[in-house]
Amino acid sequence: MFVIGGKWKIPIILSIYSGNRRFNDIAHSIPHITNRVLSKVLKHLEENLMIKRTIVDDYPVRIEYTVTDHCLSIESVAGPMEEWGKGHKKRIAEPLE
């Protein structure tokens, strides 16, 4: 949970996974995230091998982010968590007896 828990990590991973590779594209795809928080979380995810930061030697120099194979391995955990979340949502929506 330390690696993927928190408010912003999963939305950032999903943004990169869906094709947003540059910092500004990621920032614009996630409402209400600040540049400071995005920068901090990207560094954390990179340190934990969830994303890869690539410097593209062009003019101007570009930095792109991609998800790693290691990051994709959480899919086996994320599926059951999603199913649990759906069941939990239904349960709390039921009237109390």
N, C-alpha and C. Protein backbone atom coordinates (compact mmCIF):
# COMPACT_ATOMS: atom_id res chain seq x y z
N MET A 1 0.83 -1.20 0.00
CA MET A 1 0.00 0.00 0.00
C MET A 1 0.87 1.26 0.00
N PHE A 2 2.09 1.17 0.54
CA PHE A 2 2.98 2.32 0.54
C PHE A 2 3.30 2.75 -0.89
N VAL A 3 3.44 1.79 -1.79
CA VAL A 3 3.84 2.10 -3.16
C VAL A 3 2.69 2.65 -3.98
N ILE A 4 1.48 2.11 -3.82
CA ILE A 4 0.37 2.55 -4.68
C ILE A 4 -0.76 3.22 -3.91
N GLY A 5 -0.66 3.30 -2.59
CA GLY A 5 -1.72 3.93 -1.80
C GLY A 5 -1.65 5.44 -1.86
N GLY A 6 -2.71 6.07 -1.45
CA GLY A 6 -2.76 7.53 -1.43
C GLY A 6 -3.72 8.06 -2.47
N LYS A 7 -3.90 9.35 -2.44
CA LYS A 7 -4.89 10.01 -3.28
C LYS A 7 -4.50 10.06 -4.76
N TRP A 8 -3.22 10.21 -5.06
CA TRP A 8 -2.82 10.55 -6.42
C TRP A 8 -2.12 9.44 -7.20
N LYS A 9 -1.58 8.43 -6.55
CA LYS A 9 -0.74 7.45 -7.25
C LYS A 9 -1.49 6.67 -8.32
N ILE A 10 -2.63 6.12 -7.99
CA ILE A 10 -3.39 5.35 -8.98
C ILE A 10 -3.86 6.24 -10.13
N PRO A 11 -4.42 7.45 -9.87
CA PRO A 11 -4.79 8.30 -11.01
C PRO A 11 -3.60 8.64 -11.92
N ILE A 12 -2.42 8.83 -11.34
CA ILE A 12 -1.24 9.13 -12.15
C ILE A 12 -0.84 7.91 -12.98
N ILE A 13 -0.82 6.74 -12.36
CA ILE A 13 -0.50 5.52 -13.10
C ILE A 13 -1.49 5.31 -14.23
N LEU A 14 -2.78 5.49 -13.96
CA LEU A 14 -3.80 5.31 -14.99
C LEU A 14 -3.65 6.33 -16.12
N SER A 15 -3.29 7.55 -15.77
CA SER A 15 -3.08 8.58 -16.78
C SER A 15 -1.93 8.21 -17.71
N ILE A 16 -0.83 7.77 -17.13
CA ILE A 16 0.32 7.38 -17.94
C ILE A 16 -0.02 6.15 -18.77
N TYR A 17 -0.71 5.19 -18.15
CA TYR A 17 -1.10 3.96 -18.85
C TYR A 17 -1.99 4.27 -20.05
N SER A 18 -2.84 5.30 -19.92
CA SER A 18 -3.76 5.63 -21.02
C SER A 18 -3.12 6.50 -22.10
N GLY A 19 -1.83 6.79 -21.97
CA GLY A 19 -1.13 7.46 -23.07
C GLY A 19 -0.58 8.84 -22.77
N ASN A 20 -0.84 9.38 -21.60
CA ASN A 20 -0.29 10.69 -21.25
C ASN A 20 1.14 10.48 -20.76
N ARG A 21 2.11 10.85 -21.58
CA ARG A 21 3.51 10.55 -21.27
C ARG A 21 4.29 11.76 -20.76
N ARG A 22 3.81 12.96 -21.04
CA ARG A 22 4.54 14.16 -20.65
C ARG A 22 3.91 14.77 -19.41
N PHE A 23 4.73 15.50 -18.64
CA PHE A 23 4.30 16.05 -17.35
C PHE A 23 3.00 16.86 -17.48
N ASN A 24 2.96 17.80 -18.43
CA ASN A 24 1.77 18.64 -18.58
C ASN A 24 0.54 17.85 -19.00
N ASP A 25 0.73 16.82 -19.84
CA ASP A 25 -0.41 15.99 -20.24
C ASP A 25 -0.97 15.24 -19.03
N ILE A 26 -0.08 14.73 -18.20
CA ILE A 26 -0.52 14.03 -16.98
C ILE A 26 -1.24 15.00 -16.07
N ALA A 27 -0.65 16.18 -15.87
CA ALA A 27 -1.25 17.20 -14.98
C ALA A 27 -2.64 17.60 -15.46
N HIS A 28 -2.80 17.79 -16.77
CA HIS A 28 -4.10 18.23 -17.29
C HIS A 28 -5.16 17.13 -17.23
N SER A 29 -4.71 15.88 -17.18
CA SER A 29 -5.68 14.77 -17.16
C SER A 29 -6.20 14.46 -15.76
N ILE A 30 -5.59 15.07 -14.73
CA ILE A 30 -5.99 14.80 -13.34
C ILE A 30 -6.45 16.10 -12.70
N PRO A 31 -7.75 16.28 -12.51
CA PRO A 31 -8.26 17.53 -11.92
C PRO A 31 -7.72 17.76 -10.50
N HIS A 32 -7.38 19.00 -10.23
CA HIS A 32 -7.00 19.49 -8.90
C HIS A 32 -5.63 19.04 -8.40
N ILE A 33 -4.82 18.41 -9.22
CA ILE A 33 -3.48 18.04 -8.77
C ILE A 33 -2.54 19.23 -9.03
N THR A 34 -1.69 19.51 -8.08
CA THR A 34 -0.73 20.61 -8.26
C THR A 34 0.55 20.06 -8.90
N ASN A 35 1.30 20.94 -9.53
CA ASN A 35 2.56 20.54 -10.15
C ASN A 35 3.53 19.99 -9.11
N ARG A 36 3.53 20.59 -7.93
CA ARG A 36 4.43 20.15 -6.86
C ARG A 36 4.11 18.72 -6.43
N VAL A 37 2.83 18.44 -6.23
CA VAL A 37 2.42 17.09 -5.83
C VAL A 37 2.70 16.09 -6.94
N LEU A 38 2.38 16.47 -8.18
CA LEU A 38 2.63 15.57 -9.30
C LEU A 38 4.11 15.23 -9.40
N SER A 39 4.96 16.22 -9.29
CA SER A 39 6.40 16.00 -9.35
C SER A 39 6.86 15.04 -8.24
N LYS A 40 6.38 15.26 -7.04
CA LYS A 40 6.75 14.43 -5.89
C LYS A 40 6.30 12.98 -6.08
N VAL A 41 5.07 12.80 -6.53
CA VAL A 41 4.54 11.44 -6.71
C VAL A 41 5.23 10.73 -7.88
N LEU A 42 5.52 11.46 -8.96
CA LEU A 42 6.25 10.84 -10.07
C LEU A 42 7.61 10.33 -9.61
N LYS A 43 8.30 11.10 -8.79
CA LYS A 43 9.60 10.66 -8.26
C LYS A 43 9.44 9.41 -7.40
N HIS A 44 8.41 9.40 -6.56
CA HIS A 44 8.15 8.24 -5.70
C HIS A 44 7.87 7.00 -6.55
N LEU A 45 7.03 7.14 -7.57
CA LEU A 45 6.69 6.00 -8.42
C LEU A 45 7.91 5.51 -9.20
N GLU A 46 8.76 6.44 -9.61
CA GLU A 46 9.98 6.04 -10.32
C GLU A 46 10.94 5.30 -9.38
N GLU A 47 11.10 5.78 -8.17
CA GLU A 47 11.97 5.12 -7.19
C GLU A 47 11.50 3.71 -6.88
N ASN A 48 10.20 3.48 -6.96
CA ASN A 48 9.62 2.17 -6.65
C ASN A 48 9.38 1.33 -7.90
N LEU A 49 10.01 1.73 -9.01
CA LEU A 49 10.00 0.98 -10.27
C LEU A 49 8.62 0.80 -10.89
N MET A 50 7.70 1.70 -10.57
CA MET A 50 6.36 1.63 -11.14
C MET A 50 6.27 2.36 -12.48
N ILE A 51 7.09 3.39 -12.64
CA ILE A 51 7.14 4.12 -13.90
C ILE A 51 8.60 4.31 -14.30
N LYS A 52 8.79 4.56 -15.58
CA LYS A 52 10.13 4.83 -16.08
C LYS A 52 10.16 6.24 -16.64
N ARG A 53 11.18 6.98 -16.28
CA ARG A 53 11.39 8.34 -16.75
C ARG A 53 12.46 8.29 -17.84
N THR A 54 12.11 8.80 -19.03
CA THR A 54 13.04 8.78 -20.15
C THR A 54 13.27 10.20 -20.62
N ILE A 55 14.56 10.54 -20.78
CA ILE A 55 14.91 11.85 -21.33
C ILE A 55 15.11 11.67 -22.82
N VAL A 56 14.29 12.39 -23.61
CA VAL A 56 14.37 12.31 -25.06
C VAL A 56 15.28 13.44 -25.53
N ASP A 57 16.40 13.06 -26.13
CA ASP A 57 17.40 14.04 -26.57
C ASP A 57 16.92 14.69 -27.86
N ASP A 58 16.22 15.76 -27.70
CA ASP A 58 15.63 16.51 -28.80
C ASP A 58 15.80 17.97 -28.45
N TYR A 59 15.34 18.85 -29.28
CA TYR A 59 15.36 20.26 -28.91
C TYR A 59 13.95 20.79 -28.97
N PRO A 60 13.40 21.23 -27.88
CA PRO A 60 13.96 21.16 -26.53
C PRO A 60 13.91 19.72 -25.98
N VAL A 61 14.73 19.48 -24.98
CA VAL A 61 14.78 18.16 -24.35
C VAL A 61 13.40 17.85 -23.77
N ARG A 62 12.92 16.62 -24.00
CA ARG A 62 11.63 16.18 -23.47
C ARG A 62 11.84 15.09 -22.44
N ILE A 63 10.96 15.05 -21.47
CA ILE A 63 10.94 13.97 -20.49
C ILE A 63 9.61 13.25 -20.63
N GLU A 64 9.68 11.95 -20.79
CA GLU A 64 8.46 11.15 -20.94
C GLU A 64 8.43 10.06 -19.87
N TYR A 65 7.22 9.72 -19.46
CA TYR A 65 7.00 8.69 -18.45
C TYR A 65 6.21 7.54 -19.06
N THR A 66 6.57 6.33 -18.70
CA THR A 66 5.83 5.14 -19.12
C THR A 66 5.71 4.21 -17.91
N VAL A 67 4.67 3.38 -17.93
CA VAL A 67 4.52 2.39 -16.86
C VAL A 67 5.47 1.23 -17.16
N THR A 68 5.94 0.59 -16.12
CA THR A 68 6.86 -0.54 -16.27
C THR A 68 6.09 -1.85 -16.25
N ASP A 69 6.76 -2.92 -16.65
CA ASP A 69 6.16 -4.25 -16.55
C ASP A 69 5.85 -4.58 -15.09
N HIS A 70 6.72 -4.12 -14.21
CA HIS A 70 6.50 -4.33 -12.77
C HIS A 70 5.18 -3.66 -12.34
N CYS A 71 4.91 -2.50 -12.84
CA CYS A 71 3.67 -1.79 -12.52
C CYS A 71 2.46 -2.57 -13.03
N LEU A 72 2.59 -3.13 -14.21
CA LEU A 72 1.48 -3.89 -14.78
C LEU A 72 1.16 -5.14 -13.97
N SER A 73 2.11 -5.59 -13.16
CA SER A 73 1.88 -6.79 -12.35
C SER A 73 0.85 -6.55 -11.24
N ILE A 74 0.51 -5.29 -10.94
CA ILE A 74 -0.50 -5.04 -9.90
C ILE A 74 -1.91 -5.30 -10.41
N GLU A 75 -2.04 -5.57 -11.72
CA GLU A 75 -3.36 -5.85 -12.28
C GLU A 75 -4.02 -7.04 -11.60
N SER A 76 -3.22 -8.03 -11.23
CA SER A 76 -3.79 -9.21 -10.57
C SER A 76 -4.33 -8.87 -9.18
N VAL A 77 -3.83 -7.81 -8.59
CA VAL A 77 -4.30 -7.37 -7.28
C VAL A 77 -5.43 -6.35 -7.43
N ALA A 78 -5.33 -5.50 -8.45
CA ALA A 78 -6.29 -4.42 -8.63
C ALA A 78 -7.69 -4.95 -8.99
N GLY A 79 -7.76 -6.03 -9.76
CA GLY A 79 -9.06 -6.60 -10.14
C GLY A 79 -9.88 -7.01 -8.93
N PRO A 80 -9.34 -7.85 -8.05
CA PRO A 80 -10.09 -8.22 -6.84
C PRO A 80 -10.41 -7.02 -5.94
N MET A 81 -9.52 -6.03 -5.89
CA MET A 81 -9.80 -4.83 -5.08
C MET A 81 -10.99 -4.07 -5.67
N GLU A 82 -11.06 -4.01 -7.00
CA GLU A 82 -12.19 -3.33 -7.64
C GLU A 82 -13.50 -4.05 -7.35
N GLU A 83 -13.48 -5.38 -7.42
CA GLU A 83 -14.68 -6.16 -7.12
C GLU A 83 -15.10 -5.97 -5.67
N TRP A 84 -14.15 -5.96 -4.76
CA TRP A 84 -14.47 -5.72 -3.36
C TRP A 84 -15.09 -4.35 -3.20
N GLY A 85 -14.52 -3.36 -3.85
CA GLY A 85 -15.04 -1.99 -3.76
C GLY A 85 -16.47 -1.88 -4.26
N LYS A 86 -16.79 -2.56 -5.35
CA LYS A 86 -18.16 -2.55 -5.87
C LYS A 86 -19.12 -3.19 -4.87
N GLY A 87 -18.70 -4.32 -4.28
CA GLY A 87 -19.54 -4.97 -3.28
C GLY A 87 -19.71 -4.11 -2.04
N HIS A 88 -18.66 -3.46 -1.64
CA HIS A 88 -18.71 -2.57 -0.47
C HIS A 88 -19.65 -1.41 -0.73
N LYS A 89 -19.59 -0.84 -1.90
CA LYS A 89 -20.47 0.29 -2.25
C LYS A 89 -21.93 -0.13 -2.18
N LYS A 90 -22.23 -1.33 -2.70
CA LYS A 90 -23.60 -1.83 -2.63
C LYS A 90 -24.03 -2.04 -1.18
N ARG A 91 -23.12 -2.58 -0.39
CA ARG A 91 -23.46 -2.88 1.01
C ARG A 91 -23.77 -1.61 1.80
N ILE A 92 -22.98 -0.58 1.62
CA ILE A 92 -23.24 0.64 2.39
C ILE A 92 -24.43 1.41 1.86
N ALA A 93 -24.84 1.11 0.62
CA ALA A 93 -26.01 1.77 0.05
C ALA A 93 -27.31 1.12 0.51
N GLU A 94 -27.23 -0.09 1.05
CA GLU A 94 -28.41 -0.81 1.52
C GLU A 94 -28.95 -0.13 2.80
N PRO A 95 -30.28 -0.14 2.95
CA PRO A 95 -30.85 0.43 4.18
C PRO A 95 -30.45 -0.41 5.40
N LEU A 96 -30.25 0.25 6.51
CA LEU A 96 -29.89 -0.44 7.75
C LEU A 96 -31.10 -1.23 8.27
N GLU A 97 -30.84 -2.38 8.83
CA GLU A 97 -31.93 -3.20 9.37
C GLU A 97 -32.06 -3.03 10.84
